[in-house]
């Protein structure tokens, strides 16, 4: 009887590992908000990494986080270091700017992987601005072979983990922009 139970557990584990290699590995999440402020004013807050620090949800999580910003425009970089497990260490670089409509950013979380983010702005009712903040990553890229199945399953939790932080960041951006941006 014990052998059948252990055999069943082994079979389930084997199937879970195999599924971890074949299930989708790409993660996409996005959140949006409408801000009662002109598009060019909102764009100024999202197209400069120094301004992003004012509304970033991660800056609020760890006020002791240290960051360094270099350059401006396309190629501007920010690196950060934090002992907080929800912030960690990493870097981001602005890879494309399309004023006043889009900002694209490459993210590097070190051994936790790479991702791309974008902020897309479009006119909304009145003088408002619709902001869509998106995040894309491949959960298996840069992960050791033996960790790929676990990374795949972790990808299914990304929306629940990262989504609320994106919502908080967009709310902070809305508050900042509607108060005059600064």
N, C-alpha and C. Protein backbone atom coordinates (compact mmCIF):
# COMPACT_ATOMS: atom_id res chain seq x y z
N UNK A 1 0.82 -1.20 0.00
CA UNK A 1 0.00 0.00 0.00
C UNK A 1 0.87 1.26 0.00
N UNK A 2 1.88 1.26 0.86
CA UNK A 2 2.78 2.41 0.93
C UNK A 2 3.49 2.63 -0.40
N UNK A 3 3.85 1.54 -1.07
CA UNK A 3 4.50 1.63 -2.38
C UNK A 3 3.60 2.29 -3.41
N UNK A 4 2.31 1.96 -3.38
CA UNK A 4 1.37 2.58 -4.32
C UNK A 4 1.22 4.07 -4.04
N UNK A 5 1.18 4.43 -2.78
CA UNK A 5 1.05 5.85 -2.42
C UNK A 5 2.29 6.61 -2.87
N UNK A 6 3.47 6.08 -2.57
CA UNK A 6 4.70 6.74 -2.99
C UNK A 6 4.82 6.79 -4.51
N UNK A 7 4.40 5.71 -5.19
CA UNK A 7 4.40 5.70 -6.65
C UNK A 7 3.47 6.75 -7.21
N UNK A 8 2.30 6.91 -6.60
CA UNK A 8 1.34 7.93 -7.03
C UNK A 8 1.88 9.34 -6.83
N UNK A 9 2.52 9.55 -5.69
CA UNK A 9 3.13 10.87 -5.42
C UNK A 9 4.25 11.14 -6.43
N UNK A 10 5.06 10.12 -6.69
CA UNK A 10 6.14 10.27 -7.68
C UNK A 10 5.61 10.60 -9.06
N UNK A 11 4.52 9.94 -9.46
CA UNK A 11 3.92 10.19 -10.76
C UNK A 11 3.38 11.62 -10.85
N UNK A 12 2.72 12.07 -9.80
CA UNK A 12 2.19 13.44 -9.77
C UNK A 12 3.34 14.45 -9.88
N UNK A 13 4.41 14.23 -9.13
CA UNK A 13 5.57 15.13 -9.20
C UNK A 13 6.18 15.14 -10.59
N UNK A 14 6.30 13.98 -11.19
CA UNK A 14 6.85 13.86 -12.55
C UNK A 14 5.99 14.66 -13.53
N UNK A 15 4.69 14.51 -13.46
CA UNK A 15 3.78 15.23 -14.36
C UNK A 15 3.89 16.74 -14.13
N UNK A 16 3.97 17.16 -12.88
CA UNK A 16 4.11 18.60 -12.59
C UNK A 16 5.41 19.16 -13.15
N UNK A 17 6.48 18.41 -13.04
CA UNK A 17 7.76 18.87 -13.59
C UNK A 17 7.67 18.97 -15.11
N UNK A 18 7.14 17.97 -15.77
CA UNK A 18 7.01 18.01 -17.23
C UNK A 18 6.12 19.18 -17.65
N UNK A 19 5.00 19.37 -16.96
CA UNK A 19 4.12 20.50 -17.28
C UNK A 19 4.85 21.84 -17.12
N UNK A 20 5.72 21.93 -16.13
CA UNK A 20 6.48 23.15 -15.92
C UNK A 20 7.37 23.52 -17.09
N UNK A 21 7.72 22.54 -17.90
CA UNK A 21 8.54 22.81 -19.10
C UNK A 21 7.69 23.16 -20.32
N UNK A 22 6.41 22.80 -20.32
CA UNK A 22 5.59 23.00 -21.52
C UNK A 22 4.49 24.05 -21.37
N UNK A 23 4.15 24.42 -20.16
CA UNK A 23 3.14 25.47 -19.96
C UNK A 23 3.68 26.81 -20.45
N UNK A 24 2.83 27.78 -20.73
CA UNK A 24 3.30 29.09 -21.21
C UNK A 24 4.30 29.71 -20.24
N UNK A 25 5.35 30.31 -20.81
CA UNK A 25 6.39 30.92 -19.98
C UNK A 25 6.38 32.44 -20.03
N UNK A 26 5.55 33.00 -20.87
CA UNK A 26 5.49 34.46 -21.00
C UNK A 26 4.42 35.02 -20.07
N UNK A 27 4.77 36.12 -19.42
CA UNK A 27 3.84 36.79 -18.51
C UNK A 27 3.60 38.20 -19.04
N UNK A 28 2.34 38.58 -19.10
CA UNK A 28 1.95 39.96 -19.45
C UNK A 28 0.94 40.41 -18.42
N UNK A 29 1.18 41.58 -17.88
CA UNK A 29 0.17 42.18 -17.03
C UNK A 29 0.11 43.65 -17.35
N UNK A 30 -1.06 44.23 -17.11
CA UNK A 30 -1.20 45.67 -17.30
C UNK A 30 -2.30 46.18 -16.41
N UNK A 31 -2.14 47.44 -16.07
CA UNK A 31 -3.15 48.15 -15.30
C UNK A 31 -3.31 49.51 -15.97
N UNK A 32 -4.49 50.12 -15.78
CA UNK A 32 -4.72 51.43 -16.38
C UNK A 32 -5.49 52.32 -15.43
N UNK A 33 -5.39 53.61 -15.70
CA UNK A 33 -6.08 54.61 -14.90
C UNK A 33 -6.31 55.83 -15.78
N UNK A 34 -7.33 56.60 -15.46
CA UNK A 34 -7.56 57.89 -16.13
C UNK A 34 -7.21 58.98 -15.14
N UNK A 35 -6.37 59.90 -15.60
CA UNK A 35 -5.87 60.99 -14.77
C UNK A 35 -6.43 62.30 -15.30
N UNK A 36 -6.95 63.11 -14.41
CA UNK A 36 -7.52 64.40 -14.79
C UNK A 36 -6.41 65.44 -14.87
N UNK A 37 -5.54 65.26 -15.88
CA UNK A 37 -4.43 66.18 -16.13
C UNK A 37 -4.05 66.03 -17.60
N UNK A 38 -3.51 67.10 -18.20
CA UNK A 38 -3.12 67.02 -19.61
C UNK A 38 -2.05 65.96 -19.87
N UNK A 39 -2.12 65.38 -21.06
CA UNK A 39 -1.21 64.29 -21.43
C UNK A 39 0.25 64.71 -21.32
N UNK A 40 0.60 65.92 -21.75
CA UNK A 40 2.01 66.33 -21.70
C UNK A 40 2.51 66.46 -20.26
N UNK A 41 1.64 66.84 -19.32
CA UNK A 41 2.05 66.94 -17.91
C UNK A 41 2.27 65.54 -17.31
N UNK A 42 1.39 64.61 -17.66
CA UNK A 42 1.55 63.24 -17.17
C UNK A 42 2.81 62.62 -17.80
N UNK A 43 3.01 62.88 -19.09
CA UNK A 43 4.19 62.35 -19.78
C UNK A 43 5.48 62.81 -19.09
N UNK A 44 5.51 64.05 -18.65
CA UNK A 44 6.71 64.56 -17.96
C UNK A 44 7.01 63.76 -16.70
N UNK A 45 5.99 63.22 -16.06
CA UNK A 45 6.18 62.45 -14.83
C UNK A 45 6.59 61.00 -15.08
N UNK A 46 6.29 60.49 -16.28
CA UNK A 46 6.61 59.08 -16.57
C UNK A 46 7.82 58.91 -17.47
N UNK A 47 8.29 59.98 -18.08
CA UNK A 47 9.38 59.86 -19.05
C UNK A 47 10.75 60.19 -18.47
N UNK A 48 10.83 60.43 -17.19
CA UNK A 48 12.09 60.73 -16.51
C UNK A 48 12.16 59.86 -15.26
N UNK A 49 13.21 59.07 -15.13
CA UNK A 49 13.31 58.15 -14.00
C UNK A 49 13.38 58.89 -12.67
N UNK A 50 13.90 60.10 -12.66
CA UNK A 50 13.92 60.90 -11.44
C UNK A 50 12.50 61.28 -11.00
N UNK A 51 11.64 61.58 -11.96
CA UNK A 51 10.25 61.88 -11.66
C UNK A 51 9.49 60.62 -11.25
N UNK A 52 9.86 59.49 -11.86
CA UNK A 52 9.19 58.22 -11.52
C UNK A 52 9.37 57.87 -10.05
N UNK A 53 10.50 58.25 -9.48
CA UNK A 53 10.74 57.95 -8.07
C UNK A 53 9.68 58.59 -7.17
N UNK A 54 9.07 59.69 -7.63
CA UNK A 54 8.07 60.40 -6.83
C UNK A 54 6.77 59.60 -6.69
N UNK A 55 6.48 58.71 -7.65
CA UNK A 55 5.22 57.96 -7.59
C UNK A 55 5.41 56.44 -7.58
N UNK A 56 6.64 56.00 -7.59
CA UNK A 56 6.95 54.57 -7.61
C UNK A 56 6.44 53.87 -6.35
N UNK A 57 5.72 52.77 -6.51
CA UNK A 57 5.26 52.03 -5.31
C UNK A 57 6.42 51.41 -4.54
N UNK A 58 7.53 51.11 -5.23
CA UNK A 58 8.65 50.47 -4.56
C UNK A 58 9.44 51.45 -3.70
N UNK A 59 9.45 52.72 -4.05
CA UNK A 59 10.10 53.73 -3.21
C UNK A 59 9.35 53.86 -1.88
N UNK A 60 8.03 53.66 -1.92
CA UNK A 60 7.24 53.71 -0.69
C UNK A 60 7.46 52.46 0.17
N UNK A 61 7.66 51.31 -0.48
CA UNK A 61 7.87 50.07 0.26
C UNK A 61 9.15 50.16 1.08
N UNK A 62 10.21 50.73 0.48
CA UNK A 62 11.49 50.85 1.18
C UNK A 62 12.04 52.26 1.03
N UNK A 63 11.69 53.14 1.97
CA UNK A 63 12.21 54.51 1.91
C UNK A 63 13.73 54.58 2.06
N UNK A 64 14.36 53.48 2.54
CA UNK A 64 15.81 53.46 2.71
C UNK A 64 16.53 52.93 1.47
N UNK A 65 15.77 52.60 0.43
CA UNK A 65 16.35 52.13 -0.83
C UNK A 65 17.30 53.21 -1.36
N UNK A 66 18.45 52.77 -1.85
CA UNK A 66 19.35 53.73 -2.49
C UNK A 66 19.25 53.56 -4.00
N UNK A 67 19.29 54.67 -4.71
CA UNK A 67 19.21 54.59 -6.17
C UNK A 67 20.15 55.61 -6.79
N UNK A 68 20.56 55.30 -8.00
CA UNK A 68 21.44 56.17 -8.77
C UNK A 68 20.83 56.32 -10.16
N UNK A 69 20.69 57.57 -10.58
CA UNK A 69 20.14 57.87 -11.90
C UNK A 69 21.23 58.53 -12.74
N UNK A 70 21.37 58.07 -13.98
CA UNK A 70 22.39 58.63 -14.87
C UNK A 70 21.77 58.91 -16.23
N UNK A 71 22.13 60.04 -16.81
CA UNK A 71 21.69 60.39 -18.15
C UNK A 71 20.30 60.97 -18.17
N UNK A 72 19.82 61.17 -19.39
CA UNK A 72 18.45 61.63 -19.57
C UNK A 72 17.97 61.17 -20.94
N UNK A 73 16.65 61.14 -21.09
CA UNK A 73 16.07 60.70 -22.35
C UNK A 73 16.32 59.21 -22.58
N UNK A 74 16.32 58.82 -23.87
CA UNK A 74 16.60 57.41 -24.19
C UNK A 74 18.01 57.09 -23.70
N UNK A 75 18.13 55.99 -22.96
CA UNK A 75 19.42 55.62 -22.38
C UNK A 75 19.55 55.99 -20.92
N UNK A 76 18.62 56.79 -20.39
CA UNK A 76 18.68 57.13 -18.97
C UNK A 76 18.54 55.84 -18.17
N UNK A 77 19.38 55.71 -17.14
CA UNK A 77 19.37 54.50 -16.32
C UNK A 77 19.14 54.83 -14.86
N UNK A 78 18.61 53.86 -14.18
CA UNK A 78 18.46 53.94 -12.73
C UNK A 78 18.82 52.58 -12.17
N UNK A 79 19.71 52.56 -11.19
CA UNK A 79 19.99 51.32 -10.49
C UNK A 79 19.58 51.52 -9.04
N UNK A 80 19.15 50.44 -8.39
CA UNK A 80 18.72 50.56 -7.01
C UNK A 80 19.20 49.36 -6.21
N UNK A 81 19.33 49.60 -4.90
CA UNK A 81 19.71 48.56 -3.96
C UNK A 81 18.78 48.68 -2.75
N UNK A 82 18.26 47.53 -2.34
CA UNK A 82 17.37 47.50 -1.19
C UNK A 82 17.49 46.17 -0.48
N UNK A 83 17.44 46.21 0.83
CA UNK A 83 17.44 44.98 1.62
C UNK A 83 16.03 44.41 1.76
N UNK A 84 15.03 45.18 1.33
CA UNK A 84 13.64 44.72 1.45
C UNK A 84 13.38 43.64 0.39
N UNK A 85 12.83 42.49 0.77
CA UNK A 85 12.63 41.40 -0.20
C UNK A 85 11.67 41.74 -1.34
N UNK A 86 10.76 42.69 -1.14
CA UNK A 86 9.83 43.06 -2.22
C UNK A 86 10.40 44.12 -3.16
N UNK A 87 11.62 44.57 -2.88
CA UNK A 87 12.25 45.59 -3.73
C UNK A 87 13.53 45.02 -4.34
N UNK A 88 14.43 44.53 -3.51
CA UNK A 88 15.67 43.93 -3.99
C UNK A 88 16.57 44.90 -4.73
N UNK A 89 17.45 44.36 -5.54
CA UNK A 89 18.40 45.14 -6.33
C UNK A 89 18.04 45.01 -7.80
N UNK A 90 18.39 46.03 -8.57
CA UNK A 90 18.15 45.94 -10.00
C UNK A 90 18.50 47.22 -10.72
N UNK A 91 18.12 47.26 -11.98
CA UNK A 91 18.39 48.43 -12.81
C UNK A 91 17.31 48.53 -13.88
N UNK A 92 17.09 49.74 -14.35
CA UNK A 92 16.18 49.94 -15.48
C UNK A 92 16.77 51.00 -16.40
N UNK A 93 16.39 50.89 -17.67
CA UNK A 93 16.88 51.84 -18.67
C UNK A 93 15.74 52.19 -19.62
N UNK A 94 15.59 53.48 -19.87
CA UNK A 94 14.61 53.92 -20.86
C UNK A 94 15.15 53.56 -22.24
N UNK A 95 14.36 52.79 -22.98
CA UNK A 95 14.81 52.32 -24.30
C UNK A 95 14.11 53.03 -25.45
N UNK A 96 12.97 53.67 -25.18
CA UNK A 96 12.25 54.38 -26.24
C UNK A 96 11.34 55.43 -25.63
N UNK A 97 11.29 56.57 -26.29
CA UNK A 97 10.39 57.66 -25.91
C UNK A 97 9.64 58.11 -27.15
N UNK A 98 8.34 58.25 -27.02
CA UNK A 98 7.50 58.76 -28.10
C UNK A 98 6.58 59.82 -27.48
N UNK A 99 7.10 61.05 -27.30
CA UNK A 99 6.33 62.09 -26.62
C UNK A 99 5.06 62.46 -27.38
N UNK A 100 3.98 62.70 -26.73
CA UNK A 100 3.69 62.45 -25.31
C UNK A 100 2.90 61.17 -25.11
N UNK A 101 3.25 60.11 -25.86
CA UNK A 101 2.40 58.93 -25.89
C UNK A 101 2.98 57.67 -25.26
N UNK A 102 4.29 57.50 -25.25
CA UNK A 102 4.82 56.22 -24.79
C UNK A 102 6.22 56.33 -24.23
N UNK A 103 6.46 55.50 -23.21
CA UNK A 103 7.79 55.31 -22.62
C UNK A 103 8.00 53.80 -22.52
N UNK A 104 9.15 53.31 -23.01
CA UNK A 104 9.49 51.89 -22.89
C UNK A 104 10.74 51.77 -22.03
N UNK A 105 10.74 50.75 -21.18
CA UNK A 105 11.81 50.57 -20.21
C UNK A 105 12.22 49.09 -20.19
N UNK A 106 13.53 48.85 -20.16
CA UNK A 106 14.06 47.50 -19.91
C UNK A 106 14.41 47.40 -18.44
N UNK A 107 14.02 46.29 -17.83
CA UNK A 107 14.27 46.06 -16.41
C UNK A 107 15.22 44.88 -16.24
N UNK A 108 16.15 45.02 -15.31
CA UNK A 108 17.11 43.95 -15.02
C UNK A 108 17.08 43.69 -13.52
N UNK A 109 16.56 42.53 -13.14
CA UNK A 109 16.46 42.17 -11.73
C UNK A 109 17.57 41.22 -11.32
N UNK A 110 18.70 41.27 -12.03
CA UNK A 110 19.83 40.40 -11.71
C UNK A 110 19.47 38.95 -11.91
N UNK A 111 19.73 38.12 -10.90
CA UNK A 111 19.46 36.69 -11.03
C UNK A 111 17.96 36.37 -11.02
N UNK A 112 17.11 37.37 -10.82
CA UNK A 112 15.66 37.15 -10.86
C UNK A 112 15.09 37.38 -12.25
N UNK A 113 15.91 37.80 -13.20
CA UNK A 113 15.46 37.87 -14.58
C UNK A 113 15.36 39.27 -15.17
N UNK A 114 14.91 39.29 -16.42
CA UNK A 114 14.77 40.52 -17.20
C UNK A 114 13.30 40.71 -17.54
N UNK A 115 12.92 41.96 -17.80
CA UNK A 115 11.54 42.26 -18.18
C UNK A 115 11.52 43.54 -18.99
N UNK A 116 10.38 43.80 -19.58
CA UNK A 116 10.14 45.05 -20.30
C UNK A 116 8.86 45.66 -19.73
N UNK A 117 8.87 46.97 -19.62
CA UNK A 117 7.69 47.69 -19.16
C UNK A 117 7.42 48.82 -20.14
N UNK A 118 6.17 49.24 -20.19
CA UNK A 118 5.80 50.36 -21.04
C UNK A 118 4.71 51.15 -20.35
N UNK A 119 4.73 52.44 -20.59
CA UNK A 119 3.67 53.34 -20.16
C UNK A 119 3.11 53.98 -21.42
N UNK A 120 1.85 53.68 -21.72
CA UNK A 120 1.19 54.21 -22.90
C UNK A 120 0.16 55.23 -22.46
N UNK A 121 0.24 56.43 -23.02
CA UNK A 121 -0.66 57.52 -22.68
C UNK A 121 -1.52 57.88 -23.88
N UNK A 122 -2.78 58.15 -23.62
CA UNK A 122 -3.69 58.58 -24.68
C UNK A 122 -4.70 59.56 -24.10
N UNK A 123 -5.27 60.42 -24.97
CA UNK A 123 -6.27 61.38 -24.48
C UNK A 123 -7.48 60.66 -23.89
N UNK A 124 -8.03 61.25 -22.84
CA UNK A 124 -9.26 60.76 -22.23
C UNK A 124 -10.26 61.91 -22.21
N UNK A 125 -11.43 61.68 -21.68
CA UNK A 125 -12.48 62.69 -21.65
C UNK A 125 -11.96 64.01 -21.07
N UNK A 126 -12.44 65.09 -21.67
CA UNK A 126 -12.01 66.41 -21.21
C UNK A 126 -10.54 66.62 -21.50
N UNK A 127 -9.82 67.04 -20.48
CA UNK A 127 -8.38 67.27 -20.60
C UNK A 127 -7.61 66.15 -19.92
N UNK A 128 -8.25 64.98 -19.79
CA UNK A 128 -7.66 63.87 -19.06
C UNK A 128 -6.72 63.03 -19.91
N UNK A 129 -6.06 62.11 -19.23
CA UNK A 129 -5.09 61.22 -19.86
C UNK A 129 -5.32 59.80 -19.35
N UNK A 130 -5.44 58.87 -20.28
CA UNK A 130 -5.51 57.45 -19.93
C UNK A 130 -4.08 56.93 -19.94
N UNK A 131 -3.69 56.27 -18.85
CA UNK A 131 -2.35 55.69 -18.73
C UNK A 131 -2.50 54.17 -18.59
N UNK A 132 -1.82 53.43 -19.47
CA UNK A 132 -1.76 51.98 -19.39
C UNK A 132 -0.31 51.60 -19.10
N UNK A 133 -0.10 50.94 -17.97
CA UNK A 133 1.23 50.53 -17.55
C UNK A 133 1.30 49.01 -17.72
N UNK A 134 2.24 48.53 -18.53
CA UNK A 134 2.33 47.10 -18.81
C UNK A 134 3.70 46.54 -18.43
N UNK A 135 3.73 45.23 -18.28
CA UNK A 135 4.93 44.50 -17.86
C UNK A 135 4.94 43.19 -18.62
N UNK A 136 6.08 42.86 -19.24
CA UNK A 136 6.22 41.61 -19.98
C UNK A 136 7.55 40.95 -19.62
N UNK A 137 7.49 39.64 -19.42
CA UNK A 137 8.71 38.89 -19.14
C UNK A 137 8.53 37.44 -19.58
N UNK A 138 9.65 36.76 -19.74
CA UNK A 138 9.66 35.32 -19.99
C UNK A 138 10.22 34.68 -18.73
N UNK A 139 9.41 33.90 -18.06
CA UNK A 139 9.78 33.36 -16.75
C UNK A 139 10.94 32.36 -16.81
N UNK A 140 11.24 31.81 -17.99
CA UNK A 140 12.32 30.83 -18.08
C UNK A 140 13.64 31.43 -18.54
N UNK A 141 13.63 32.67 -19.05
CA UNK A 141 14.88 33.28 -19.52
C UNK A 141 15.85 33.49 -18.37
N UNK A 142 17.08 33.06 -18.58
CA UNK A 142 18.13 33.28 -17.60
C UNK A 142 18.02 32.43 -16.35
N UNK A 143 17.13 31.45 -16.36
CA UNK A 143 16.92 30.61 -15.18
C UNK A 143 17.63 29.27 -15.41
N UNK A 144 18.34 28.75 -14.42
CA UNK A 144 18.99 27.44 -14.59
C UNK A 144 17.95 26.38 -14.99
N UNK A 145 18.37 25.42 -15.79
CA UNK A 145 17.48 24.40 -16.33
C UNK A 145 16.60 23.75 -15.25
N UNK A 146 17.21 23.39 -14.15
CA UNK A 146 16.47 22.67 -13.10
C UNK A 146 15.43 23.56 -12.41
N UNK A 147 15.50 24.90 -12.58
CA UNK A 147 14.53 25.82 -11.96
C UNK A 147 13.43 26.25 -12.93
N UNK A 148 13.53 25.90 -14.20
CA UNK A 148 12.56 26.35 -15.20
C UNK A 148 11.12 25.96 -14.87
N UNK A 149 10.84 24.72 -14.43
CA UNK A 149 9.45 24.40 -14.10
C UNK A 149 8.90 25.28 -12.97
N UNK A 150 9.70 25.48 -11.93
CA UNK A 150 9.25 26.30 -10.81
C UNK A 150 9.02 27.75 -11.26
N UNK A 151 9.89 28.26 -12.11
CA UNK A 151 9.72 29.62 -12.63
C UNK A 151 8.43 29.75 -13.42
N UNK A 152 8.10 28.71 -14.20
CA UNK A 152 6.87 28.73 -14.97
C UNK A 152 5.67 28.85 -14.03
N UNK A 153 5.63 28.07 -12.98
CA UNK A 153 4.51 28.13 -12.03
C UNK A 153 4.48 29.48 -11.31
N UNK A 154 5.64 30.02 -11.01
CA UNK A 154 5.73 31.32 -10.36
C UNK A 154 5.10 32.40 -11.25
N UNK A 155 5.22 32.24 -12.57
CA UNK A 155 4.65 33.20 -13.51
C UNK A 155 3.15 33.33 -13.38
N UNK A 156 2.47 32.25 -12.97
CA UNK A 156 1.02 32.30 -12.80
C UNK A 156 0.62 33.17 -11.60
N UNK A 157 1.56 33.47 -10.73
CA UNK A 157 1.28 34.30 -9.56
C UNK A 157 1.66 35.77 -9.76
N UNK A 158 2.31 36.08 -10.88
CA UNK A 158 2.83 37.43 -11.10
C UNK A 158 1.74 38.50 -11.06
N UNK A 159 0.60 38.24 -11.70
CA UNK A 159 -0.44 39.25 -11.73
C UNK A 159 -0.91 39.58 -10.31
N UNK A 160 -1.09 38.56 -9.50
CA UNK A 160 -1.54 38.78 -8.12
C UNK A 160 -0.50 39.47 -7.26
N UNK A 161 0.78 39.27 -7.59
CA UNK A 161 1.85 39.89 -6.80
C UNK A 161 2.18 41.29 -7.29
N UNK A 162 2.33 41.45 -8.60
CA UNK A 162 2.78 42.72 -9.16
C UNK A 162 1.62 43.66 -9.47
N UNK A 163 0.46 43.11 -9.81
CA UNK A 163 -0.69 43.94 -10.16
C UNK A 163 -1.05 44.98 -9.11
N UNK A 164 -1.17 44.60 -7.83
CA UNK A 164 -1.50 45.60 -6.81
C UNK A 164 -0.45 46.72 -6.70
N UNK A 165 0.82 46.38 -6.93
CA UNK A 165 1.85 47.41 -6.89
C UNK A 165 1.70 48.37 -8.07
N UNK A 166 1.36 47.84 -9.24
CA UNK A 166 1.10 48.71 -10.40
C UNK A 166 -0.10 49.61 -10.12
N UNK A 167 -1.14 49.07 -9.51
CA UNK A 167 -2.32 49.87 -9.17
C UNK A 167 -1.96 50.98 -8.19
N UNK A 168 -1.15 50.65 -7.19
CA UNK A 168 -0.73 51.66 -6.22
C UNK A 168 0.11 52.74 -6.89
N UNK A 169 1.02 52.34 -7.77
CA UNK A 169 1.85 53.31 -8.49
C UNK A 169 1.01 54.23 -9.35
N UNK A 170 0.04 53.68 -10.06
CA UNK A 170 -0.83 54.51 -10.90
C UNK A 170 -1.67 55.46 -10.06
N UNK A 171 -2.13 55.01 -8.90
CA UNK A 171 -2.88 55.90 -8.00
C UNK A 171 -2.00 57.05 -7.52
N UNK A 172 -0.75 56.75 -7.19
CA UNK A 172 0.18 57.79 -6.76
C UNK A 172 0.48 58.76 -7.90
N UNK A 173 0.63 58.21 -9.12
CA UNK A 173 0.85 59.06 -10.29
C UNK A 173 -0.35 59.98 -10.50
N UNK A 174 -1.55 59.46 -10.37
CA UNK A 174 -2.78 60.25 -10.53
C UNK A 174 -2.80 61.38 -9.50
N UNK A 175 -2.53 61.04 -8.25
CA UNK A 175 -2.53 62.04 -7.18
C UNK A 175 -1.50 63.13 -7.46
N UNK A 176 -0.31 62.74 -7.86
CA UNK A 176 0.77 63.69 -8.13
C UNK A 176 0.42 64.58 -9.32
N UNK A 177 -0.04 63.98 -10.41
CA UNK A 177 -0.36 64.75 -11.62
C UNK A 177 -1.52 65.70 -11.40
N UNK A 178 -2.54 65.24 -10.70
CA UNK A 178 -3.71 66.08 -10.46
C UNK A 178 -3.43 67.20 -9.46
N UNK A 179 -2.35 67.05 -8.67
CA UNK A 179 -1.94 68.11 -7.74
C UNK A 179 -0.98 69.10 -8.40
N UNK A 180 -0.65 68.88 -9.64
CA UNK A 180 0.23 69.83 -10.32
C UNK A 180 1.58 69.28 -10.68
N UNK A 181 1.83 68.00 -10.35
CA UNK A 181 3.02 67.33 -10.85
C UNK A 181 4.28 67.45 -10.05
N UNK A 182 4.31 68.15 -9.01
CA UNK A 182 5.63 68.25 -8.47
C UNK A 182 5.84 68.06 -7.07
